[in-house]
Amino acid sequence: MKPRTLLAWSSGKDSAWSLHVLRQRGKVDVVGLLTTINEVHDRVAMHAVRRDLLEAQAAAAGLPLWPVLIPSPSSNEQYETAMGVAVARARDEGITRDAFRDLFLEDIRAYRQRQLACTGLHPLSPLWQIPTPDLARRMLSGGLRARLTCVDPKRLSKTFAGRTWDESLIAELPVDVDPCGENGEFHTFVSAGPMFTAPLEVRVGQVVERDGFVFADVLAPPSSARSERTHLRNAGTRQPPG
């Protein structure tokens, strides 16, 4: 039997492409998507993606969602405690691998390795050290479609929030901004790609600034204006690496 594997799922392009790569290689059996969710605002931490869209992604990927609820604000200790509960559940269910979307940040990869040491779960990084310009081309030519849900305005103009991540956007990025946003310049939401059985229909709602970041609210139409305003007031929160 192939090793049963969880995939850390952020709702963004790198985790989505990691799923595609793992399935293509066929060496492991991905059995679930592990996602940290802000329990106060019911959104994916940092990406600020609504839970209903996260669940739609999981359904399109044909995998169960493993939500890990964290408070807001969340300390690193609280985050690690919540993840420890998820790891214990995974071990009880015979899962032996935990895959991550890491590209080239050594400190975050080392952090994951330390956290999984002696847990019985072995970390995997299917995209590790693929040059990001090449990786971006592979994603786009492979049919991946994504929008920018969060922008760090200290690194990238706030006008990029909500835009489609495509060749045109990448060509407009400043030279010091990674085309995959690996240094935290931006985060994305994936609506289509070879990892999904069907594309997700989405639209971009309001764009707001909160906690030093710019968030674009991605919506699954139709959505009431009242619901949109309520969610936007609560959009976005930082989290430890995960």
Protein backbone atom coordinates (compact mmCIF):
# COMPACT_ATOMS: atom_id res chain seq x y z
CA MET A 1 0.00 0.00 0.00
CA LYS A 2 1.10 3.54 -0.70
CA PRO A 3 1.85 5.68 2.37
CA ARG A 4 -1.26 7.52 3.55
CA THR A 5 -0.54 11.24 3.35
CA LEU A 6 -2.05 14.50 4.57
CA LEU A 7 -1.47 17.67 2.58
CA ALA A 8 -1.20 21.06 4.29
CA TRP A 9 -3.77 23.06 2.32
CA SER A 10 -3.82 26.85 2.36
CA SER A 11 -6.40 27.25 -0.47
CA GLY A 12 -3.60 28.76 -2.60
CA LYS A 13 -1.77 27.80 -5.75
CA ASP A 14 1.31 26.16 -4.20
CA SER A 15 -0.63 23.70 -2.06
CA ALA A 16 -2.99 22.98 -4.97
CA TRP A 17 -0.10 22.27 -7.30
CA SER A 18 1.53 20.10 -4.63
CA LEU A 19 -1.58 17.92 -4.71
CA HIS A 20 -1.34 17.64 -8.49
CA VAL A 21 2.36 16.73 -8.35
CA LEU A 22 1.86 14.11 -5.64
CA ARG A 23 -0.92 12.49 -7.63
CA GLN A 24 1.16 12.52 -10.80
CA ARG A 25 4.11 10.87 -9.09
CA GLY A 26 1.83 8.23 -7.61
CA LYS A 27 4.12 7.30 -4.74
CA VAL A 28 1.77 8.29 -1.91
CA ASP A 29 -1.98 8.26 -1.31
CA VAL A 30 -3.21 11.73 -0.36
CA VAL A 31 -6.16 11.13 1.97
CA GLY A 32 -6.98 14.59 3.33
CA LEU A 33 -6.40 18.35 3.26
CA LEU A 34 -5.20 19.88 6.53
CA THR A 35 -6.09 23.56 6.93
CA THR A 36 -5.76 26.00 9.82
CA ILE A 37 -8.92 28.08 10.22
CA ASN A 38 -9.43 31.19 12.30
CA GLU A 39 -12.23 30.00 14.60
CA VAL A 40 -13.44 33.54 15.31
CA HIS A 41 -13.87 34.64 11.69
CA ASP A 42 -14.28 31.19 10.11
CA ARG A 43 -11.70 31.88 7.41
CA VAL A 44 -8.42 30.37 6.30
CA ALA A 45 -5.72 32.12 8.30
CA MET A 46 -3.76 34.78 6.38
CA HIS A 47 -5.43 33.99 3.03
CA ALA A 48 -8.78 35.14 4.54
CA VAL A 49 -10.68 32.66 2.35
CA ARG A 50 -14.21 31.87 3.44
CA ARG A 51 -14.85 28.40 4.79
CA ASP A 52 -17.55 27.63 2.22
CA LEU A 53 -15.04 28.15 -0.59
CA LEU A 54 -12.46 26.05 1.23
CA GLU A 55 -15.02 23.26 1.47
CA ALA A 56 -15.84 23.67 -2.22
CA GLN A 57 -12.15 23.21 -3.05
CA ALA A 58 -11.98 20.02 -0.98
CA ALA A 59 -15.06 18.65 -2.73
CA ALA A 60 -13.60 19.49 -6.15
CA ALA A 61 -10.37 17.75 -5.14
CA GLY A 62 -12.32 14.72 -3.96
CA LEU A 63 -10.74 14.78 -0.51
CA PRO A 64 -11.98 15.29 3.05
CA LEU A 65 -11.09 18.52 4.78
CA TRP A 66 -9.22 18.33 8.09
CA PRO A 67 -9.90 21.73 9.71
CA VAL A 68 -7.60 22.83 12.53
CA LEU A 69 -9.25 25.64 14.47
CA ILE A 70 -7.02 28.29 15.99
CA PRO A 71 -8.03 31.34 18.08
CA SER A 72 -7.61 34.94 17.01
CA PRO A 73 -5.09 36.16 17.83
CA SER A 74 -3.14 32.91 18.06
CA SER A 75 0.15 32.39 19.84
CA ASN A 76 2.71 29.96 18.48
CA GLU A 77 2.02 27.70 21.46
CA GLN A 78 -1.71 27.62 20.71
CA TYR A 79 -1.01 26.89 17.07
CA GLU A 80 1.34 24.03 17.89
CA THR A 81 -1.11 22.56 20.40
CA ALA A 82 -3.89 22.52 17.80
CA MET A 83 -1.61 20.96 15.21
CA GLY A 84 -0.49 18.37 17.75
CA VAL A 85 -4.08 17.19 18.11
CA ALA A 86 -4.35 16.83 14.31
CA VAL A 87 -1.07 14.92 14.14
CA ALA A 88 -2.24 12.52 16.84
CA ARG A 89 -5.45 11.88 14.91
CA ALA A 90 -3.46 11.30 11.73
CA ARG A 91 -1.20 8.80 13.46
CA ASP A 92 -4.24 6.95 14.85
CA GLU A 93 -5.65 6.69 11.31
CA GLY A 94 -2.48 5.17 9.89
CA ILE A 95 -1.20 8.29 8.16
CA THR A 96 2.59 8.37 7.90
CA ARG A 97 3.32 11.36 5.65
CA ASP A 98 2.59 15.08 5.88
CA ALA A 99 3.15 17.09 2.69
CA PHE A 100 3.81 20.82 2.52
CA ARG A 101 3.93 23.48 -0.19
CA ASP A 102 7.43 24.73 0.69
CA LEU A 103 9.50 26.06 -2.20
CA PHE A 104 12.83 27.37 -0.90
CA LEU A 105 12.47 28.92 2.58
CA GLU A 106 14.88 26.81 4.62
CA ASP A 107 13.79 28.13 8.01
CA ILE A 108 10.14 27.18 7.52
CA ARG A 109 11.06 23.75 6.19
CA ALA A 110 13.34 23.17 9.18
CA TYR A 111 10.51 24.28 11.50
CA ARG A 112 8.18 21.66 10.02
CA GLN A 113 10.84 18.96 10.34
CA ARG A 114 11.35 19.80 14.01
CA GLN A 115 7.62 19.76 14.70
CA LEU A 116 7.16 16.35 13.09
CA ALA A 117 10.24 14.74 14.63
CA CYS A 118 9.27 11.69 16.72
CA THR A 119 5.58 11.96 15.71
CA GLY A 120 5.61 9.08 13.25
CA LEU A 121 4.84 11.43 10.34
CA HIS A 122 7.48 12.09 7.71
CA PRO A 123 7.45 15.54 6.05
CA LEU A 124 7.32 15.80 2.24
CA SER A 125 8.00 18.86 0.08
CA PRO A 126 7.03 17.96 -3.52
CA LEU A 127 7.84 21.44 -4.89
CA TRP A 128 11.09 21.94 -3.02
CA GLN A 129 13.68 24.09 -4.85
CA ILE A 130 11.85 24.25 -8.16
CA PRO A 131 12.80 27.70 -9.54
CA THR A 132 9.71 29.82 -9.09
CA PRO A 133 9.64 31.35 -12.61
CA ASP A 134 9.66 27.80 -13.99
CA LEU A 135 7.08 26.66 -11.43
CA ALA A 136 4.77 29.54 -12.31
CA ARG A 137 4.94 28.62 -15.99
CA ARG A 138 4.16 24.98 -15.19
CA MET A 139 1.15 25.94 -13.11
CA LEU A 140 -0.33 28.28 -15.68
CA SER A 141 0.30 26.01 -18.66
CA GLY A 142 -1.24 23.17 -16.62
CA GLY A 143 -4.50 25.06 -16.29
CA LEU A 144 -4.24 26.41 -12.75
CA ARG A 145 -6.29 29.54 -12.14
CA ALA A 146 -5.98 31.70 -9.04
CA ARG A 147 -6.67 35.16 -7.66
CA LEU A 148 -4.68 37.24 -5.19
CA THR A 149 -6.59 37.31 -1.90
CA CYS A 150 -3.96 39.02 0.25
CA VAL A 151 -1.22 41.50 -0.58
CA ASP A 152 1.52 42.89 1.64
CA PRO A 153 1.46 46.58 0.64
CA LYS A 154 5.01 47.03 1.95
CA ARG A 155 6.19 44.77 -0.86
CA LEU A 156 3.56 45.05 -3.57
CA SER A 157 1.02 47.66 -4.62
CA LYS A 158 -2.41 47.18 -3.09
CA THR A 159 -3.88 47.40 -6.62
CA PHE A 160 -2.84 43.78 -7.16
CA ALA A 161 -5.36 42.52 -4.57
CA GLY A 162 -8.16 40.59 -6.23
CA ARG A 163 -6.43 40.28 -9.59
CA THR A 164 -6.03 37.05 -11.51
CA TRP A 165 -2.61 35.43 -11.10
CA ASP A 166 -1.55 35.01 -14.73
CA GLU A 167 1.24 35.81 -17.17
CA SER A 168 0.16 39.45 -17.39
CA LEU A 169 0.24 39.94 -13.63
CA ILE A 170 3.60 38.20 -13.27
CA ALA A 171 5.07 40.46 -15.97
CA GLU A 172 3.99 43.51 -13.97
CA LEU A 173 5.56 42.40 -10.69
CA PRO A 174 8.53 44.44 -9.43
CA VAL A 175 11.85 42.70 -9.92
CA ASP A 176 12.21 42.04 -6.19
CA VAL A 177 8.82 40.28 -5.90
CA ASP A 178 8.81 36.51 -6.31
CA PRO A 179 6.44 35.34 -9.09
CA CYS A 180 4.94 32.80 -6.67
CA GLY A 181 4.88 35.18 -3.68
CA GLU A 182 7.18 32.84 -1.76
CA ASN A 183 8.46 35.64 0.46
CA GLY A 184 4.98 36.58 1.63
CA GLU A 185 4.38 39.29 -0.96
CA PHE A 186 0.93 37.87 -1.74
CA HIS A 187 -1.36 34.88 -1.18
CA THR A 188 -3.85 33.29 -3.55
CA PHE A 189 -7.08 31.32 -3.88
CA VAL A 190 -7.22 28.58 -6.54
CA SER A 191 -10.47 28.19 -8.47
CA ALA A 192 -9.40 25.76 -11.21
CA GLY A 193 -6.69 23.32 -12.15
CA PRO A 194 -5.87 19.67 -12.83
CA MET A 195 -6.28 18.85 -9.14
CA PHE A 196 -10.02 19.64 -9.35
CA THR A 197 -12.80 17.70 -11.06
CA ALA A 198 -14.43 20.99 -12.11
CA PRO A 199 -13.64 24.71 -11.81
CA LEU A 200 -15.18 26.82 -9.07
CA GLU A 201 -17.17 29.87 -10.07
CA VAL A 202 -16.00 32.84 -8.01
CA ARG A 203 -16.05 36.60 -8.05
CA VAL A 204 -14.16 39.27 -6.14
CA GLY A 205 -16.05 41.41 -3.68
CA GLN A 206 -14.74 44.30 -1.65
CA VAL A 207 -11.06 45.01 -1.05
CA VAL A 208 -10.16 46.10 2.48
CA GLU A 209 -7.04 46.96 4.48
CA ARG A 210 -6.65 45.23 7.83
CA ASP A 211 -3.72 44.51 10.18
CA GLY A 212 -1.21 45.93 7.70
CA PHE A 213 -2.41 43.82 4.75
CA VAL A 214 -4.81 44.28 1.84
CA PHE A 215 -7.48 41.59 1.46
CA ALA A 216 -9.72 40.89 -1.52
CA ASP A 217 -12.85 38.98 -0.58
CA VAL A 218 -13.40 36.03 -2.91
CA LEU A 219 -17.05 35.04 -3.12
CA ALA A 220 -19.05 32.17 -4.52
CA PRO A 221 -21.96 33.82 -6.35
CA PRO A 222 -24.63 34.59 -5.50
CA SER A 223 -23.82 36.27 -2.17
CA SER A 224 -25.84 38.85 -0.32
CA ALA A 225 -24.37 42.28 0.21
CA ARG A 226 -25.05 42.00 3.94
CA SER A 227 -23.08 38.73 4.18
CA GLU A 228 -20.25 40.27 2.22
CA ARG A 229 -20.01 43.29 4.53
CA THR A 230 -20.08 41.12 7.66
CA HIS A 231 -17.28 38.85 6.45
CA LEU A 232 -15.14 41.75 5.23
CA ARG A 233 -15.12 43.35 8.66
CA ASN A 234 -13.53 40.16 9.99
CA ALA A 235 -11.19 39.32 7.12
CA GLY A 236 -7.65 38.16 7.69
CA THR A 237 -5.37 37.19 10.55
CA ARG A 238 -1.77 36.17 10.82
CA GLN A 239 -0.66 32.72 11.87
CA PRO A 240 2.55 30.88 12.68
CA PRO A 241 4.19 28.94 9.83
CA GLY A 242 1.82 26.22 8.70
